N, C-alpha and C. Protein backbone atom coordinates (compact mmCIF):
# COMPACT_ATOMS: atom_id res chain seq x y z
N MET A 1 111.81 149.34 97.84
CA MET A 1 111.43 148.87 99.28
C MET A 1 110.60 149.80 100.31
N ALA A 2 109.78 149.25 100.86
CA ALA A 2 108.91 150.27 101.37
C ALA A 2 109.46 150.68 102.72
N GLU A 3 109.32 152.44 103.33
CA GLU A 3 109.80 152.77 104.50
C GLU A 3 109.13 151.71 105.47
N ILE A 4 110.16 151.74 106.36
CA ILE A 4 109.80 150.85 107.44
C ILE A 4 109.24 151.84 108.86
N GLN A 5 107.96 151.33 109.35
CA GLN A 5 107.41 152.53 110.26
C GLN A 5 108.01 151.91 111.48
N ILE A 6 108.37 152.95 112.21
CA ILE A 6 108.93 152.37 113.72
C ILE A 6 107.96 152.94 114.53
N ALA A 7 107.32 151.92 115.49
CA ALA A 7 106.28 152.26 116.14
C ALA A 7 106.80 152.86 117.35
N ASP A 8 108.05 152.71 118.26
CA ASP A 8 108.64 152.96 119.20
C ASP A 8 110.36 152.77 119.49
N THR A 9 110.97 153.39 120.13
CA THR A 9 112.27 152.86 120.18
C THR A 9 112.73 153.15 121.63
N VAL A 10 113.73 152.12 121.96
CA VAL A 10 114.19 151.85 122.78
C VAL A 10 115.91 152.12 123.25
N ASP A 11 116.33 152.72 124.04
CA ASP A 11 117.85 153.38 124.17
C ASP A 11 118.45 151.90 125.09
N ILE A 12 119.04 151.18 125.02
CA ILE A 12 119.61 150.07 126.24
C ILE A 12 121.18 150.38 126.32
N THR A 13 121.81 151.42 125.78
CA THR A 13 122.86 151.82 125.38
C THR A 13 123.45 152.19 126.89
N ASP A 14 122.90 152.28 127.98
CA ASP A 14 123.27 152.42 129.49
C ASP A 14 122.76 151.33 130.35
N VAL A 15 122.56 150.18 129.71
CA VAL A 15 122.93 149.10 130.74
C VAL A 15 123.63 147.97 130.06
N VAL A 16 123.70 146.84 130.75
CA VAL A 16 124.65 145.35 130.41
C VAL A 16 123.64 144.45 130.31
N CYS A 17 124.24 143.80 129.36
CA CYS A 17 123.53 141.89 129.86
C CYS A 17 123.96 141.67 130.60
N PRO A 18 122.67 140.72 131.09
CA PRO A 18 121.25 140.47 130.32
C PRO A 18 120.30 141.38 130.26
N VAL A 19 120.68 142.68 131.06
CA VAL A 19 119.22 143.49 130.89
C VAL A 19 119.03 144.37 129.82
N THR A 20 120.16 144.00 128.68
CA THR A 20 119.99 144.83 127.43
C THR A 20 118.80 144.29 126.74
N PHE A 21 118.30 142.52 126.86
CA PHE A 21 117.66 141.93 126.14
C PHE A 21 116.37 142.19 126.88
N VAL A 22 116.29 142.12 128.39
CA VAL A 22 115.33 142.49 129.17
C VAL A 22 114.42 143.55 128.97
N LYS A 23 115.32 144.71 128.73
CA LYS A 23 114.80 146.12 128.55
C LYS A 23 114.30 146.02 127.16
N ALA A 24 114.45 145.22 126.08
CA ALA A 24 114.22 145.55 124.64
C ALA A 24 112.91 144.48 124.71
N LYS A 25 112.75 143.35 125.32
CA LYS A 25 112.01 142.69 125.49
C LYS A 25 110.38 143.11 125.66
N VAL A 26 110.42 143.70 127.31
CA VAL A 26 109.72 144.90 127.66
C VAL A 26 109.12 145.91 126.77
N ALA A 27 109.89 146.57 125.79
CA ALA A 27 109.66 147.49 125.15
C ALA A 27 109.05 146.84 124.19
N LEU A 28 109.21 145.75 123.65
CA LEU A 28 108.62 144.85 122.59
C LEU A 28 107.02 144.43 123.16
N GLU A 29 107.17 144.16 124.20
CA GLU A 29 105.70 143.82 124.71
C GLU A 29 104.69 144.88 124.59
N GLU A 30 105.01 146.11 124.88
CA GLU A 30 103.95 146.94 124.67
C GLU A 30 103.37 147.57 123.34
N LEU A 31 103.99 146.44 122.31
CA LEU A 31 103.68 146.99 120.77
C LEU A 31 102.26 145.90 120.44
N GLU A 32 101.91 146.64 119.09
CA GLU A 32 101.06 145.43 118.63
C GLU A 32 101.58 144.50 117.81
N ILE A 33 101.01 143.46 117.25
CA ILE A 33 101.94 142.42 116.52
C ILE A 33 102.00 143.07 115.38
N GLY A 34 103.07 143.20 114.36
CA GLY A 34 103.63 143.85 113.39
C GLY A 34 104.38 144.82 113.43
N GLU A 35 104.05 145.33 114.76
CA GLU A 35 104.82 146.88 114.80
C GLU A 35 105.99 146.73 114.97
N VAL A 36 106.93 147.64 114.73
CA VAL A 36 108.35 147.39 114.44
C VAL A 36 109.21 148.27 115.80
N LEU A 37 110.18 147.51 116.75
CA LEU A 37 110.64 148.27 117.61
C LEU A 37 112.20 149.02 117.14
N ALA A 38 112.51 150.15 117.44
CA ALA A 38 113.91 150.04 117.22
C ALA A 38 114.57 149.93 118.46
N VAL A 39 115.96 149.77 118.64
CA VAL A 39 116.62 149.26 119.39
C VAL A 39 118.14 149.89 119.22
N ARG A 40 118.06 150.87 120.12
CA ARG A 40 119.87 151.11 119.96
C ARG A 40 120.62 150.83 121.30
N MET A 41 121.57 150.20 120.49
CA MET A 41 122.75 149.41 121.29
C MET A 41 123.94 149.43 121.29
N ASN A 42 124.64 149.11 122.18
CA ASN A 42 126.38 149.22 121.92
C ASN A 42 126.79 147.96 121.23
N ASP A 43 128.04 148.01 120.89
CA ASP A 43 128.54 147.51 120.34
C ASP A 43 129.02 146.10 121.32
N GLY A 44 129.55 145.02 120.61
CA GLY A 44 129.82 143.95 121.47
C GLY A 44 128.84 142.99 122.26
N GLU A 45 128.51 142.48 123.20
CA GLU A 45 127.75 141.33 123.99
C GLU A 45 126.24 141.92 123.39
N PRO A 46 125.71 143.10 123.48
CA PRO A 46 124.30 143.18 123.03
C PRO A 46 123.98 142.99 121.25
N VAL A 47 125.09 143.29 120.84
CA VAL A 47 124.81 143.24 119.22
C VAL A 47 124.82 141.77 118.73
N GLN A 48 125.63 140.99 119.55
CA GLN A 48 125.75 139.56 119.54
C GLN A 48 124.55 138.80 120.14
N ASN A 49 124.07 139.47 121.22
CA ASN A 49 122.84 138.74 121.98
C ASN A 49 121.68 139.11 121.47
N VAL A 50 121.39 140.95 121.48
CA VAL A 50 120.21 140.42 121.34
C VAL A 50 119.37 140.42 120.36
N PRO A 51 119.79 140.61 119.01
CA PRO A 51 119.24 140.07 117.74
C PRO A 51 118.92 138.48 117.94
N ARG A 52 120.03 138.00 118.18
CA ARG A 52 119.47 136.20 118.57
C ARG A 52 118.42 136.05 119.29
N SER A 53 118.64 136.74 120.31
CA SER A 53 117.33 136.16 121.64
C SER A 53 116.11 136.78 121.09
N MET A 54 115.77 137.92 120.22
CA MET A 54 114.92 138.92 119.80
C MET A 54 114.32 137.19 118.66
N LYS A 55 115.24 136.70 117.85
CA LYS A 55 115.04 135.47 116.66
C LYS A 55 114.03 134.30 117.52
N GLU A 56 115.02 134.04 118.55
CA GLU A 56 114.65 132.72 119.45
C GLU A 56 112.80 132.82 120.12
N GLU A 57 112.28 134.31 120.39
CA GLU A 57 111.62 134.64 120.96
C GLU A 57 110.67 134.47 119.94
N GLY A 58 110.74 134.52 118.64
CA GLY A 58 109.67 133.93 117.50
C GLY A 58 109.60 135.78 116.74
N HIS A 59 110.28 136.50 116.87
CA HIS A 59 110.04 137.89 116.53
C HIS A 59 111.10 138.09 115.23
N LYS A 60 110.92 138.98 114.30
CA LYS A 60 111.45 139.39 112.98
C LYS A 60 112.42 140.06 113.26
N VAL A 61 113.59 139.70 112.80
CA VAL A 61 114.75 140.78 112.93
C VAL A 61 114.84 141.31 111.55
N LEU A 62 114.63 142.86 110.86
CA LEU A 62 114.28 143.07 109.96
C LEU A 62 116.04 143.82 109.74
N ARG A 63 116.81 144.48 110.45
CA ARG A 63 117.97 144.64 109.95
C ARG A 63 119.04 145.09 111.28
N LEU A 64 119.82 145.43 111.30
CA LEU A 64 120.87 146.01 112.18
C LEU A 64 121.49 146.95 111.51
N ASP A 65 121.65 148.18 111.55
CA ASP A 65 122.67 149.31 111.22
C ASP A 65 123.84 150.01 112.23
N ALA A 66 124.87 149.96 111.53
CA ALA A 66 125.76 150.61 112.65
C ALA A 66 125.35 152.57 112.46
N ASN A 67 125.44 152.90 113.89
CA ASN A 67 125.54 154.57 113.64
C ASN A 67 126.65 154.81 113.64
N GLU A 68 126.65 156.59 113.61
CA GLU A 68 127.94 157.08 113.15
C GLU A 68 128.83 157.24 114.74
N ASP A 69 127.97 157.19 115.81
CA ASP A 69 128.59 157.28 117.12
C ASP A 69 129.28 155.72 117.76
N GLY A 70 128.95 154.80 116.68
CA GLY A 70 129.89 153.65 117.40
C GLY A 70 128.70 152.83 117.59
N THR A 71 127.37 153.32 118.09
CA THR A 71 126.12 152.40 118.55
C THR A 71 125.58 151.92 117.30
N TYR A 72 124.76 150.88 117.66
CA TYR A 72 123.80 150.15 116.79
C TYR A 72 122.58 150.23 116.78
N THR A 73 121.56 150.18 115.74
CA THR A 73 120.01 150.26 115.74
C THR A 73 119.58 149.25 115.23
N LEU A 74 119.20 148.34 115.87
CA LEU A 74 118.50 146.90 115.42
C LEU A 74 116.83 147.20 115.32
N LEU A 75 116.46 146.72 114.14
CA LEU A 75 114.92 146.97 113.93
C LEU A 75 114.21 145.54 113.79
N VAL A 76 113.39 145.20 115.11
CA VAL A 76 112.64 144.16 115.24
C VAL A 76 111.18 144.20 115.24
N GLN A 77 110.43 143.37 114.22
CA GLN A 77 108.91 143.40 114.33
C GLN A 77 108.61 142.29 115.09
N LYS A 78 107.46 142.97 115.59
CA LYS A 78 106.78 141.63 117.33
C LYS A 78 106.05 140.87 116.05
N ASN A 79 106.16 139.82 116.24
CA ASN A 79 105.38 138.67 116.35
C ASN A 79 104.12 137.98 117.07
N GLU A 80 103.59 137.12 116.51
CA GLU A 80 102.77 136.82 117.71
C GLU A 80 103.64 135.95 118.92
N GLU A 81 102.82 135.95 120.32
CA GLU A 81 103.69 135.68 121.77
C GLU A 81 103.25 134.26 122.10
C-alpha cells in the first residue's frame, strides 16, 4: 500500500466538542482537494464525533490510529466541497 502523504496536521487535544470539529474543518478547508489532513485528538467525544462529521461533510476518512500517549490521529482526505 502506498504511503499516505500528509499535507498538514492540526492538534485539537486542547479543545472540547463542538470546537474540535470546527477547528479540524477550518484546517481542512485550507487544503486542496485530494490532500490529507492529520488530526490529533483525545479519546471520547472527539474520536466518536470528528470522523463521523468529516464523513457527513463528504470527506474521506482514511484511518484512525491510536497513539502511545492516549491520543488518536485521524487521517482525512479532502473531497469536493
